[in-house]
PDB file of N, CA and C in Angstrom:
ATOM      1  N   UNK A   1      -5.458  14.482  10.284  1.00  0.00           N
ATOM      2  CA  UNK A   1      -6.146  14.228  11.532  1.00  0.00           C
ATOM      3  C   UNK A   1      -7.549  14.824  11.503  1.00  0.00           C
ATOM      4  N   UNK A   2      -7.681  15.966  10.864  1.00  0.00           N
ATOM      5  CA  UNK A   2      -9.007  16.593  10.823  1.00  0.00           C
ATOM      6  C   UNK A   2      -9.988  15.736  10.029  1.00  0.00           C
ATOM      7  N   UNK A   3      -9.548  15.229   8.868  1.00  0.00           N
ATOM      8  CA  UNK A   3     -10.443  14.377   8.087  1.00  0.00           C
ATOM      9  C   UNK A   3     -10.727  13.053   8.804  1.00  0.00           C
ATOM     10  N   UNK A   4      -9.731  12.514   9.492  1.00  0.00           N
ATOM     11  CA  UNK A   4      -9.950  11.303  10.280  1.00  0.00           C
ATOM     12  C   UNK A   4     -10.989  11.565  11.371  1.00  0.00           C
ATOM     13  N   UNK A   5     -10.880  12.719  12.021  1.00  0.00           N
ATOM     14  CA  UNK A   5     -11.852  13.100  13.055  1.00  0.00           C
ATOM     15  C   UNK A   5     -13.252  13.142  12.478  1.00  0.00           C
ATOM     16  N   UNK A   6     -13.405  13.787  11.340  1.00  0.00           N
ATOM     17  CA  UNK A   6     -14.723  13.906  10.721  1.00  0.00           C
ATOM     18  C   UNK A   6     -15.263  12.541  10.299  1.00  0.00           C
ATOM     19  N   UNK A   7     -14.417  11.721   9.701  1.00  0.00           N
ATOM     20  CA  UNK A   7     -14.855  10.382   9.277  1.00  0.00           C
ATOM     21  C   UNK A   7     -15.262   9.522  10.465  1.00  0.00           C
ATOM     22  N   UNK A   8     -14.476   9.582  11.535  1.00  0.00           N
ATOM     23  CA  UNK A   8     -14.809   8.787  12.716  1.00  0.00           C
ATOM     24  C   UNK A   8     -16.100   9.286  13.359  1.00  0.00           C
ATOM     25  N   UNK A   9     -16.326  10.596  13.330  1.00  0.00           N
ATOM     26  CA  UNK A   9     -17.567  11.149  13.877  1.00  0.00           C
ATOM     27  C   UNK A   9     -18.766  10.619  13.092  1.00  0.00           C
ATOM     28  N   UNK A  10     -18.633  10.572  11.778  1.00  0.00           N
ATOM     29  CA  UNK A  10     -19.709  10.042  10.935  1.00  0.00           C
ATOM     30  C   UNK A  10     -19.899   8.543  11.186  1.00  0.00           C
ATOM     31  N   UNK A  11     -18.800   7.810  11.223  1.00  0.00           N
ATOM     32  CA  UNK A  11     -18.880   6.352  11.386  1.00  0.00           C
ATOM     33  C   UNK A  11     -19.426   5.922  12.739  1.00  0.00           C
ATOM     34  N   UNK A  12     -19.188   6.705  13.776  1.00  0.00           N
ATOM     35  CA  UNK A  12     -19.541   6.259  15.129  1.00  0.00           C
ATOM     36  C   UNK A  12     -20.640   7.077  15.799  1.00  0.00           C
ATOM     37  N   UNK A  13     -21.190   8.043  15.093  1.00  0.00           N
ATOM     38  CA  UNK A  13     -22.265   8.849  15.664  1.00  0.00           C
ATOM     39  C   UNK A  13     -23.461   8.015  16.095  1.00  0.00           C
ATOM     40  N   UNK A  14     -23.820   7.023  15.295  1.00  0.00           N
ATOM     41  CA  UNK A  14     -24.979   6.183  15.623  1.00  0.00           C
ATOM     42  C   UNK A  14     -24.759   5.371  16.900  1.00  0.00           C
ATOM     43  N   UNK A  15     -23.502   5.273  17.337  1.00  0.00           N
ATOM     44  CA  UNK A  15     -23.185   4.567  18.580  1.00  0.00           C
ATOM     45  C   UNK A  15     -23.109   5.532  19.768  1.00  0.00           C
ATOM     46  N   UNK A  16     -23.492   6.763  19.517  1.00  0.00           N
ATOM     47  CA  UNK A  16     -23.421   7.824  20.531  1.00  0.00           C
ATOM     48  C   UNK A  16     -21.982   8.088  20.968  1.00  0.00           C
ATOM     49  N   UNK A  17     -21.045   7.905  20.020  1.00  0.00           N
ATOM     50  CA  UNK A  17     -19.639   8.209  20.264  1.00  0.00           C
ATOM     51  C   UNK A  17     -19.330   9.506  19.527  1.00  0.00           C
ATOM     52  N   UNK A  18     -18.832  10.472  20.267  1.00  0.00           N
ATOM     53  CA  UNK A  18     -18.462  11.757  19.677  1.00  0.00           C
ATOM     54  C   UNK A  18     -16.960  11.783  19.460  1.00  0.00           C
ATOM     55  N   UNK A  19     -16.544  12.344  18.334  1.00  0.00           N
ATOM     56  CA  UNK A  19     -15.120  12.438  18.005  1.00  0.00           C
ATOM     57  C   UNK A  19     -14.830  13.880  17.615  1.00  0.00           C
ATOM     58  N   UNK A  20     -13.943  14.513  18.348  1.00  0.00           N
ATOM     59  CA  UNK A  20     -13.530  15.888  18.082  1.00  0.00           C
ATOM     60  C   UNK A  20     -12.017  15.958  18.183  1.00  0.00           C
ATOM     61  N   UNK A  21     -11.440  16.988  17.592  1.00  0.00           N
ATOM     62  CA  UNK A  21      -9.987  17.146  17.617  1.00  0.00           C
ATOM     63  C   UNK A  21      -9.614  18.485  18.234  1.00  0.00           C
ATOM     64  N   UNK A  22      -8.649  18.446  19.123  1.00  0.00           N
ATOM     65  CA  UNK A  22      -8.039  19.666  19.646  1.00  0.00           C
ATOM     66  C   UNK A  22      -6.787  19.904  18.815  1.00  0.00           C
ATOM     67  N   UNK A  23      -6.688  21.070  18.215  1.00  0.00           N
ATOM     68  CA  UNK A  23      -5.553  21.426  17.357  1.00  0.00           C
ATOM     69  C   UNK A  23      -4.725  22.482  18.077  1.00  0.00           C
ATOM     70  N   UNK A  24      -3.736  22.035  18.853  1.00  0.00           N
ATOM     71  CA  UNK A  24      -2.991  22.974  19.695  1.00  0.00           C
ATOM     72  C   UNK A  24      -1.929  23.748  18.925  1.00  0.00           C
ATOM     73  N   UNK A  25      -1.603  24.896  19.470  1.00  0.00           N
ATOM     74  CA  UNK A  25      -0.437  25.636  19.001  1.00  0.00           C
ATOM     75  C   UNK A  25       0.780  25.137  19.765  1.00  0.00           C
ATOM     76  N   UNK A  26       1.755  25.993  19.922  1.00  0.00           N
ATOM     77  CA  UNK A  26       2.990  25.636  20.619  1.00  0.00           C
ATOM     78  C   UNK A  26       2.725  25.696  22.122  1.00  0.00           C
ATOM     79  N   UNK A  27       2.697  24.544  22.755  1.00  0.00           N
ATOM     80  CA  UNK A  27       2.373  24.432  24.183  1.00  0.00           C
ATOM     81  C   UNK A  27       3.653  24.158  24.959  1.00  0.00           C
ATOM     82  N   UNK A  28       3.835  24.860  26.061  1.00  0.00           N
ATOM     83  CA  UNK A  28       5.033  24.672  26.881  1.00  0.00           C
ATOM     84  C   UNK A  28       4.963  23.340  27.624  1.00  0.00           C
ATOM     85  N   UNK A  29       5.770  22.397  27.149  1.00  0.00           N
ATOM     86  CA  UNK A  29       5.877  21.071  27.757  1.00  0.00           C
ATOM     87  C   UNK A  29       7.360  20.720  27.826  1.00  0.00           C
ATOM     88  N   UNK A  30       7.670  19.572  28.407  1.00  0.00           N
ATOM     89  CA  UNK A  30       9.067  19.124  28.422  1.00  0.00           C
ATOM     90  C   UNK A  30       9.608  18.976  27.002  1.00  0.00           C
ATOM     91  N   UNK A  31       8.770  18.467  26.106  1.00  0.00           N
ATOM     92  CA  UNK A  31       9.200  18.270  24.718  1.00  0.00           C
ATOM     93  C   UNK A  31       9.528  19.610  24.053  1.00  0.00           C
ATOM     94  N   UNK A  32       8.650  20.593  24.185  1.00  0.00           N
ATOM     95  CA  UNK A  32       8.924  21.878  23.537  1.00  0.00           C
ATOM     96  C   UNK A  32      10.080  22.607  24.215  1.00  0.00           C
ATOM     97  N   UNK A  33      10.274  22.395  25.510  1.00  0.00           N
ATOM     98  CA  UNK A  33      11.444  22.978  26.189  1.00  0.00           C
ATOM     99  C   UNK A  33      12.728  22.411  25.597  1.00  0.00           C
ATOM    100  N   UNK A  34      12.719  21.112  25.303  1.00  0.00           N
ATOM    101  CA  UNK A  34      13.888  20.483  24.676  1.00  0.00           C
ATOM    102  C   UNK A  34      14.125  21.062  23.286  1.00  0.00           C
ATOM    103  N   UNK A  35      13.065  21.216  22.511  1.00  0.00           N
ATOM    104  CA  UNK A  35      13.181  21.788  21.167  1.00  0.00           C
ATOM    105  C   UNK A  35      13.784  23.185  21.243  1.00  0.00           C
ATOM    106  N   UNK A  36      13.262  24.008  22.132  1.00  0.00           N
ATOM    107  CA  UNK A  36      13.780  25.372  22.261  1.00  0.00           C
ATOM    108  C   UNK A  36      15.227  25.385  22.751  1.00  0.00           C
ATOM    109  N   UNK A  37      15.557  24.512  23.681  1.00  0.00           N
ATOM    110  CA  UNK A  37      16.920  24.496  24.237  1.00  0.00           C
ATOM    111  C   UNK A  37      17.963  24.085  23.204  1.00  0.00           C
ATOM    112  N   UNK A  38      17.534  23.379  22.168  1.00  0.00           N
ATOM    113  CA  UNK A  38      18.466  22.932  21.137  1.00  0.00           C
ATOM    114  C   UNK A  38      18.653  23.955  20.020  1.00  0.00           C
ATOM    115  N   UNK A  39      17.922  25.048  20.080  1.00  0.00           N
ATOM    116  CA  UNK A  39      18.084  26.103  19.079  1.00  0.00           C
ATOM    117  C   UNK A  39      19.433  26.791  19.276  1.00  0.00           C
ATOM    118  N   UNK A  40      19.919  27.393  18.216  1.00  0.00           N
ATOM    119  CA  UNK A  40      21.195  28.107  18.294  1.00  0.00           C
ATOM    120  C   UNK A  40      21.148  29.177  19.384  1.00  0.00           C
ATOM    121  N   UNK A  41      20.025  29.907  19.436  1.00  0.00           N
ATOM    122  CA  UNK A  41      19.803  30.928  20.467  1.00  0.00           C
ATOM    123  C   UNK A  41      18.444  30.638  21.096  1.00  0.00           C
ATOM    124  N   UNK A  42      18.418  29.871  22.182  1.00  0.00           N
ATOM    125  CA  UNK A  42      17.145  29.448  22.778  1.00  0.00           C
ATOM    126  C   UNK A  42      16.206  30.602  23.145  1.00  0.00           C
ATOM    127  N   UNK A  43      16.749  31.674  23.691  1.00  0.00           N
ATOM    128  CA  UNK A  43      15.890  32.804  24.078  1.00  0.00           C
ATOM    129  C   UNK A  43      15.277  33.472  22.851  1.00  0.00           C
ATOM    130  N   UNK A  44      16.060  33.613  21.787  1.00  0.00           N
ATOM    131  CA  UNK A  44      15.533  34.198  20.554  1.00  0.00           C
ATOM    132  C   UNK A  44      14.467  33.286  19.949  1.00  0.00           C
ATOM    133  N   UNK A  45      14.698  31.983  19.993  1.00  0.00           N
ATOM    134  CA  UNK A  45      13.718  31.026  19.463  1.00  0.00           C
ATOM    135  C   UNK A  45      12.414  31.116  20.251  1.00  0.00           C
ATOM    136  N   UNK A  46      12.518  31.263  21.556  1.00  0.00           N
ATOM    137  CA  UNK A  46      11.325  31.406  22.398  1.00  0.00           C
ATOM    138  C   UNK A  46      10.573  32.690  22.058  1.00  0.00           C
ATOM    139  N   UNK A  47      11.304  33.786  21.916  1.00  0.00           N
ATOM    140  CA  UNK A  47      10.662  35.061  21.561  1.00  0.00           C
ATOM    141  C   UNK A  47       9.961  34.966  20.209  1.00  0.00           C
ATOM    142  N   UNK A  48      10.594  34.286  19.248  1.00  0.00           N
ATOM    143  CA  UNK A  48       9.981  34.118  17.924  1.00  0.00           C
ATOM    144  C   UNK A  48       8.680  33.319  18.017  1.00  0.00           C
ATOM    145  N   UNK A  49       8.704  32.264  18.805  1.00  0.00           N
ATOM    146  CA  UNK A  49       7.486  31.446  18.979  1.00  0.00           C
ATOM    147  C   UNK A  49       6.374  32.266  19.625  1.00  0.00           C
ATOM    148  N   UNK A  50       6.725  33.028  20.641  1.00  0.00           N
ATOM    149  CA  UNK A  50       5.715  33.861  21.302  1.00  0.00           C
ATOM    150  C   UNK A  50       5.166  34.894  20.330  1.00  0.00           C
ATOM    151  N   UNK A  51       6.038  35.527  19.551  1.00  0.00           N
ATOM    152  CA  UNK A  51       5.619  36.561  18.597  1.00  0.00           C
ATOM    153  C   UNK A  51       4.677  36.004  17.528  1.00  0.00           C
ATOM    154  N   UNK A  52       4.767  34.718  17.242  1.00  0.00           N
ATOM    155  CA  UNK A  52       3.906  34.102  16.229  1.00  0.00           C
ATOM    156  C   UNK A  52       2.478  33.882  16.718  1.00  0.00           C
ATOM    157  N   UNK A  53       2.252  34.076  18.003  1.00  0.00           N
ATOM    158  CA  UNK A  53       0.929  33.871  18.598  1.00  0.00           C
ATOM    159  C   UNK A  53       0.340  35.234  18.971  1.00  0.00           C
ATOM    160  N   UNK A  54      -0.718  35.672  18.291  1.00  0.00           N
ATOM    161  CA  UNK A  54      -1.292  36.987  18.565  1.00  0.00           C
ATOM    162  C   UNK A  54      -1.678  37.225  20.023  1.00  0.00           C
ATOM    163  N   UNK A  55      -1.966  36.161  20.750  1.00  0.00           N
ATOM    164  CA  UNK A  55      -2.351  36.339  22.155  1.00  0.00           C
ATOM    165  C   UNK A  55      -1.153  36.706  23.025  1.00  0.00           C
ATOM    166  N   UNK A  56       0.072  36.554  22.482  1.00  0.00           N
ATOM    167  CA  UNK A  56       1.264  37.043  23.162  1.00  0.00           C
ATOM    168  C   UNK A  56       1.902  36.107  24.165  1.00  0.00           C
ATOM    169  N   UNK A  57       1.569  34.843  24.092  1.00  0.00           N
ATOM    170  CA  UNK A  57       2.202  33.872  24.982  1.00  0.00           C
ATOM    171  C   UNK A  57       2.083  32.495  24.368  1.00  0.00           C
ATOM    172  N   UNK A  58       2.851  31.573  24.900  1.00  0.00           N
ATOM    173  CA  UNK A  58       2.740  30.184  24.483  1.00  0.00           C
ATOM    174  C   UNK A  58       1.630  29.521  25.287  1.00  0.00           C
ATOM    175  N   UNK A  59       1.128  28.424  24.760  1.00  0.00           N
ATOM    176  CA  UNK A  59       0.088  27.695  25.468  1.00  0.00           C
ATOM    177  C   UNK A  59       0.641  26.984  26.694  1.00  0.00           C
ATOM    178  N   UNK A  60      -0.246  26.718  27.605  1.00  0.00           N
ATOM    179  CA  UNK A  60       0.074  25.965  28.809  1.00  0.00           C
ATOM    180  C   UNK A  60      -0.743  24.673  28.797  1.00  0.00           C
ATOM    181  N   UNK A  61      -0.237  23.615  29.412  1.00  0.00           N
ATOM    182  CA  UNK A  61      -1.009  22.371  29.449  1.00  0.00           C
ATOM    183  C   UNK A  61      -2.434  22.569  29.979  1.00  0.00           C
ATOM    184  N   UNK A  62      -2.595  23.461  30.922  1.00  0.00           N
ATOM    185  CA  UNK A  62      -3.927  23.736  31.463  1.00  0.00           C
ATOM    186  C   UNK A  62      -4.887  24.303  30.434  1.00  0.00           C
ATOM    187  N   UNK A  63      -4.350  25.024  29.445  1.00  0.00           N
ATOM    188  CA  UNK A  63      -5.199  25.536  28.370  1.00  0.00           C
ATOM    189  C   UNK A  63      -5.819  24.376  27.603  1.00  0.00           C
ATOM    190  N   UNK A  64      -5.042  23.354  27.358  1.00  0.00           N
ATOM    191  CA  UNK A  64      -5.533  22.172  26.641  1.00  0.00           C
ATOM    192  C   UNK A  64      -6.503  21.385  27.525  1.00  0.00           C
ATOM    193  N   UNK A  65      -6.192  21.290  28.799  1.00  0.00           N
ATOM    194  CA  UNK A  65      -7.011  20.498  29.721  1.00  0.00           C
ATOM    195  C   UNK A  65      -8.431  21.043  29.808  1.00  0.00           C
ATOM    196  N   UNK A  66      -8.572  22.353  29.835  1.00  0.00           N
ATOM    197  CA  UNK A  66      -9.906  22.944  29.929  1.00  0.00           C
ATOM    198  C   UNK A  66     -10.796  22.544  28.766  1.00  0.00           C
ATOM    199  N   UNK A  67     -10.240  22.572  27.562  1.00  0.00           N
ATOM    200  CA  UNK A  67     -11.024  22.178  26.393  1.00  0.00           C
ATOM    201  C   UNK A  67     -11.299  20.674  26.412  1.00  0.00           C
ATOM    202  N   UNK A  68     -10.330  19.883  26.823  1.00  0.00           N
ATOM    203  CA  UNK A  68     -10.532  18.433  26.896  1.00  0.00           C
ATOM    204  C   UNK A  68     -11.648  18.089  27.887  1.00  0.00           C
ATOM    205  N   UNK A  69     -11.670  18.761  29.017  1.00  0.00           N
ATOM    206  CA  UNK A  69     -12.727  18.524  30.013  1.00  0.00           C
ATOM    207  C   UNK A  69     -14.086  18.900  29.428  1.00  0.00           C
ATOM    208  N   UNK A  70     -14.139  20.034  28.734  1.00  0.00           N
ATOM    209  CA  UNK A  70     -15.398  20.440  28.092  1.00  0.00           C
ATOM    210  C   UNK A  70     -15.862  19.377  27.094  1.00  0.00           C
ATOM    211  N   UNK A  71     -14.950  18.916  26.237  1.00  0.00           N
ATOM    212  CA  UNK A  71     -15.328  17.934  25.226  1.00  0.00           C
ATOM    213  C   UNK A  71     -15.763  16.609  25.844  1.00  0.00           C
ATOM    214  N   UNK A  72     -15.250  16.280  27.007  1.00  0.00           N
ATOM    215  CA  UNK A  72     -15.636  15.040  27.691  1.00  0.00           C
ATOM    216  C   UNK A  72     -16.933  15.185  28.484  1.00  0.00           C
ATOM    217  N   UNK A  73     -17.400  16.404  28.630  1.00  0.00           N
ATOM    218  CA  UNK A  73     -18.582  16.652  29.463  1.00  0.00           C
ATOM    219  C   UNK A  73     -19.878  16.582  28.645  1.00  0.00           C
ATOM    220  N   UNK A  74     -20.982  16.537  29.357  1.00  0.00           N
ATOM    221  CA  UNK A  74     -22.294  16.561  28.717  1.00  0.00           C
ATOM    222  C   UNK A  74     -22.577  17.918  28.067  1.00  0.00           C
ATOM    223  N   UNK A  75     -21.849  18.945  28.462  1.00  0.00           N
ATOM    224  CA  UNK A  75     -22.043  20.274  27.871  1.00  0.00           C
ATOM    225  C   UNK A  75     -21.766  20.277  26.373  1.00  0.00           C
ATOM    226  N   UNK A  76     -20.954  19.357  25.908  1.00  0.00           N
ATOM    227  CA  UNK A  76     -20.630  19.281  24.478  1.00  0.00           C
ATOM    228  C   UNK A  76     -21.309  18.086  23.809  1.00  0.00           C
ATOM    229  N   UNK A  77     -22.429  17.663  24.361  1.00  0.00           N
ATOM    230  CA  UNK A  77     -23.067  16.421  23.902  1.00  0.00           C
ATOM    231  C   UNK A  77     -23.551  16.460  22.456  1.00  0.00           C
ATOM    232  N   UNK A  78     -23.673  17.632  21.872  1.00  0.00           N
ATOM    233  CA  UNK A  78     -24.141  17.713  20.494  1.00  0.00           C
ATOM    234  C   UNK A  78     -23.021  18.125  19.546  1.00  0.00           C
ATOM    235  N   UNK A  79     -21.795  18.025  20.016  1.00  0.00           N
ATOM    236  CA  UNK A  79     -20.638  18.402  19.205  1.00  0.00           C
ATOM    237  C   UNK A  79     -19.891  17.147  18.803  1.00  0.00           C
ATOM    238  N   UNK A  80     -19.746  16.982  17.502  1.00  0.00           N
ATOM    239  CA  UNK A  80     -18.939  15.884  16.989  1.00  0.00           C
ATOM    240  C   UNK A  80     -18.416  16.255  15.607  1.00  0.00           C
ATOM    241  N   UNK A  81     -17.240  15.757  15.290  1.00  0.00           N
ATOM    242  CA  UNK A  81     -16.632  16.044  13.998  1.00  0.00           C
ATOM    243  C   UNK A  81     -15.980  17.408  13.922  1.00  0.00           C
ATOM    244  N   UNK A  82     -15.778  18.046  15.063  1.00  0.00           N
ATOM    245  CA  UNK A  82     -15.216  19.399  15.085  1.00  0.00           C
ATOM    246  C   UNK A  82     -13.706  19.363  15.282  1.00  0.00           C
ATOM    247  N   UNK A  83     -13.024  20.250  14.586  1.00  0.00           N
ATOM    248  CA  UNK A  83     -11.590  20.466  14.781  1.00  0.00           C
ATOM    249  C   UNK A  83     -11.459  21.845  15.418  1.00  0.00           C
ATOM    250  N   UNK A  84     -11.028  21.864  16.659  1.00  0.00           N
ATOM    251  CA  UNK A  84     -11.007  23.100  17.435  1.00  0.00           C
ATOM    252  C   UNK A  84      -9.578  23.612  17.610  1.00  0.00           C
ATOM    253  N   UNK A  85      -9.233  24.702  16.921  1.00  0.00           N
ATOM    254  CA  UNK A  85      -7.900  25.260  17.122  1.00  0.00           C
ATOM    255  C   UNK A  85      -7.812  25.894  18.506  1.00  0.00           C
ATOM    256  N   UNK A  86      -6.776  25.550  19.214  1.00  0.00           N
ATOM    257  CA  UNK A  86      -6.514  26.123  20.540  1.00  0.00           C
ATOM    258  C   UNK A  86      -5.051  26.524  20.507  1.00  0.00           C
ATOM    259  N   UNK A  87      -4.814  27.660  19.867  1.00  0.00           N
ATOM    260  CA  UNK A  87      -3.458  27.990  19.461  1.00  0.00           C
ATOM    261  C   UNK A  87      -3.063  29.446  19.682  1.00  0.00           C
ATOM    262  N   UNK A  88      -3.775  30.144  20.541  1.00  0.00           N
ATOM    263  CA  UNK A  88      -3.423  31.531  20.813  1.00  0.00           C
ATOM    264  C   UNK A  88      -3.506  32.434  19.593  1.00  0.00           C
ATOM    265  N   UNK A  89      -4.313  32.041  18.609  1.00  0.00           N
ATOM    266  CA  UNK A  89      -4.491  32.829  17.402  1.00  0.00           C
ATOM    267  C   UNK A  89      -3.468  32.553  16.312  1.00  0.00           C
ATOM    268  N   UNK A  90      -2.618  31.551  16.496  1.00  0.00           N
ATOM    269  CA  UNK A  90      -1.542  31.248  15.545  1.00  0.00           C
ATOM    270  C   UNK A  90      -2.080  31.034  14.121  1.00  0.00           C
ATOM    271  N   UNK A  91      -3.165  30.278  13.984  1.00  0.00           N
ATOM    272  CA  UNK A  91      -3.699  29.996  12.647  1.00  0.00           C
ATOM    273  C   UNK A  91      -4.343  31.210  11.998  1.00  0.00           C
ATOM    274  N   UNK A  92      -4.662  32.239  12.777  1.00  0.00           N
ATOM    275  CA  UNK A  92      -5.292  33.420  12.194  1.00  0.00           C
ATOM    276  C   UNK A  92      -4.273  34.405  11.630  1.00  0.00           C
ATOM    277  N   UNK A  93      -2.995  34.130  11.855  1.00  0.00           N
ATOM    278  CA  UNK A  93      -1.950  35.043  11.342  1.00  0.00           C
ATOM    279  C   UNK A  93      -1.688  34.736   9.892  1.00  0.00           C
TER     280      UNK A  93
END
Protein backbone atom coordinates (compact mmCIF):
# COMPACT_ATOMS: atom_id res chain seq x y z
CA UNK A 1 0.00 0.00 0.00
CA UNK A 2 2.84 2.37 0.74
CA UNK A 3 4.42 1.90 -2.68
CA UNK A 4 1.00 2.20 -4.33
CA UNK A 5 0.49 5.47 -2.44
CA UNK A 6 3.82 6.82 -3.64
CA UNK A 7 3.23 5.73 -7.24
CA UNK A 8 -0.24 7.25 -7.31
CA UNK A 9 1.11 10.49 -5.84
CA UNK A 10 3.67 10.66 -8.65
CA UNK A 11 1.16 9.70 -11.35
CA UNK A 12 -1.52 12.17 -10.27
CA UNK A 13 0.42 15.09 -8.82
CA UNK A 14 0.18 17.02 -12.09
CA UNK A 15 -3.61 16.81 -11.74
CA UNK A 16 -3.41 18.43 -8.31
CA UNK A 17 -4.49 15.14 -6.73
CA UNK A 18 -2.73 14.30 -3.48
CA UNK A 19 -2.40 10.70 -2.33
CA UNK A 20 -1.36 9.84 1.22
CA UNK A 21 -1.76 6.76 3.39
CA UNK A 22 -2.83 6.48 7.00
CA UNK A 23 -1.16 3.42 8.55
CA UNK A 24 -3.19 2.65 11.66
CA UNK A 25 -2.33 0.48 14.59
CA UNK A 26 -4.92 -1.60 16.41
CA UNK A 27 -8.04 0.59 16.49
CA UNK A 28 -11.05 -0.25 18.64
CA UNK A 29 -13.85 -0.99 16.18
CA UNK A 30 -16.58 -3.61 15.90
CA UNK A 31 -14.19 -5.74 13.84
CA UNK A 32 -11.37 -5.64 16.39
CA UNK A 33 -13.86 -6.27 19.22
CA UNK A 34 -14.88 -9.45 17.39
CA UNK A 35 -11.24 -10.47 16.95
CA UNK A 36 -10.54 -9.95 20.65
CA UNK A 37 -13.73 -11.72 21.75
CA UNK A 38 -12.71 -14.83 19.81
CA UNK A 39 -9.39 -15.14 21.63
CA UNK A 40 -9.00 -17.92 24.16
CA UNK A 41 -8.73 -15.26 26.89
CA UNK A 42 -10.22 -12.01 25.53
CA UNK A 43 -9.07 -9.84 28.44
CA UNK A 44 -5.50 -11.16 28.20
CA UNK A 45 -5.53 -10.59 24.43
CA UNK A 46 -6.68 -7.01 24.99
CA UNK A 47 -3.95 -6.40 27.58
CA UNK A 48 -1.34 -7.81 25.18
CA UNK A 49 -2.51 -5.50 22.39
CA UNK A 50 -2.42 -2.49 24.69
CA UNK A 51 1.06 -3.44 25.96
CA UNK A 52 2.34 -3.52 22.37
CA UNK A 53 1.55 0.19 21.99
CA UNK A 54 4.00 2.47 23.85
CA UNK A 55 1.31 5.12 24.25
CA UNK A 56 -0.53 2.66 26.52
CA UNK A 57 -3.89 2.38 24.81
CA UNK A 58 -5.55 1.19 21.66
CA UNK A 59 -6.52 3.61 18.95
CA UNK A 60 -9.96 5.11 18.70
CA UNK A 61 -11.82 5.89 15.47
CA UNK A 62 -11.56 9.58 16.35
CA UNK A 63 -7.77 9.31 16.29
CA UNK A 64 -7.98 8.26 12.64
CA UNK A 65 -10.62 10.88 11.82
CA UNK A 66 -8.43 13.76 12.97
CA UNK A 67 -5.64 12.80 10.60
CA UNK A 68 -8.09 12.15 7.75
CA UNK A 69 -9.60 15.62 8.20
CA UNK A 70 -6.11 17.15 8.18
CA UNK A 71 -5.17 15.30 4.99
CA UNK A 72 -8.40 16.44 3.32
CA UNK A 73 -7.82 20.06 4.31
CA UNK A 74 -5.84 22.82 2.63
CA UNK A 75 -3.43 22.66 5.58
CA UNK A 76 -1.85 19.59 3.98
CA UNK A 77 -1.88 20.99 0.44
CA UNK A 78 1.83 20.32 -0.10
CA UNK A 79 1.80 16.78 1.26
CA UNK A 80 1.60 13.87 -1.12
CA UNK A 81 3.09 10.40 -1.27
CA UNK A 82 3.37 10.20 2.52
CA UNK A 83 2.72 7.10 4.61
CA UNK A 84 1.75 8.31 8.07
CA UNK A 85 1.85 5.80 10.91
CA UNK A 86 -0.90 6.49 13.41
CA UNK A 87 -0.33 3.58 15.70
CA UNK A 88 0.37 4.71 19.25
CA UNK A 89 4.07 4.04 18.72
CA UNK A 90 3.57 0.38 17.72
CA UNK A 91 6.04 0.56 14.80
CA UNK A 92 8.71 2.13 17.00
CA UNK A 93 8.88 -0.93 19.27
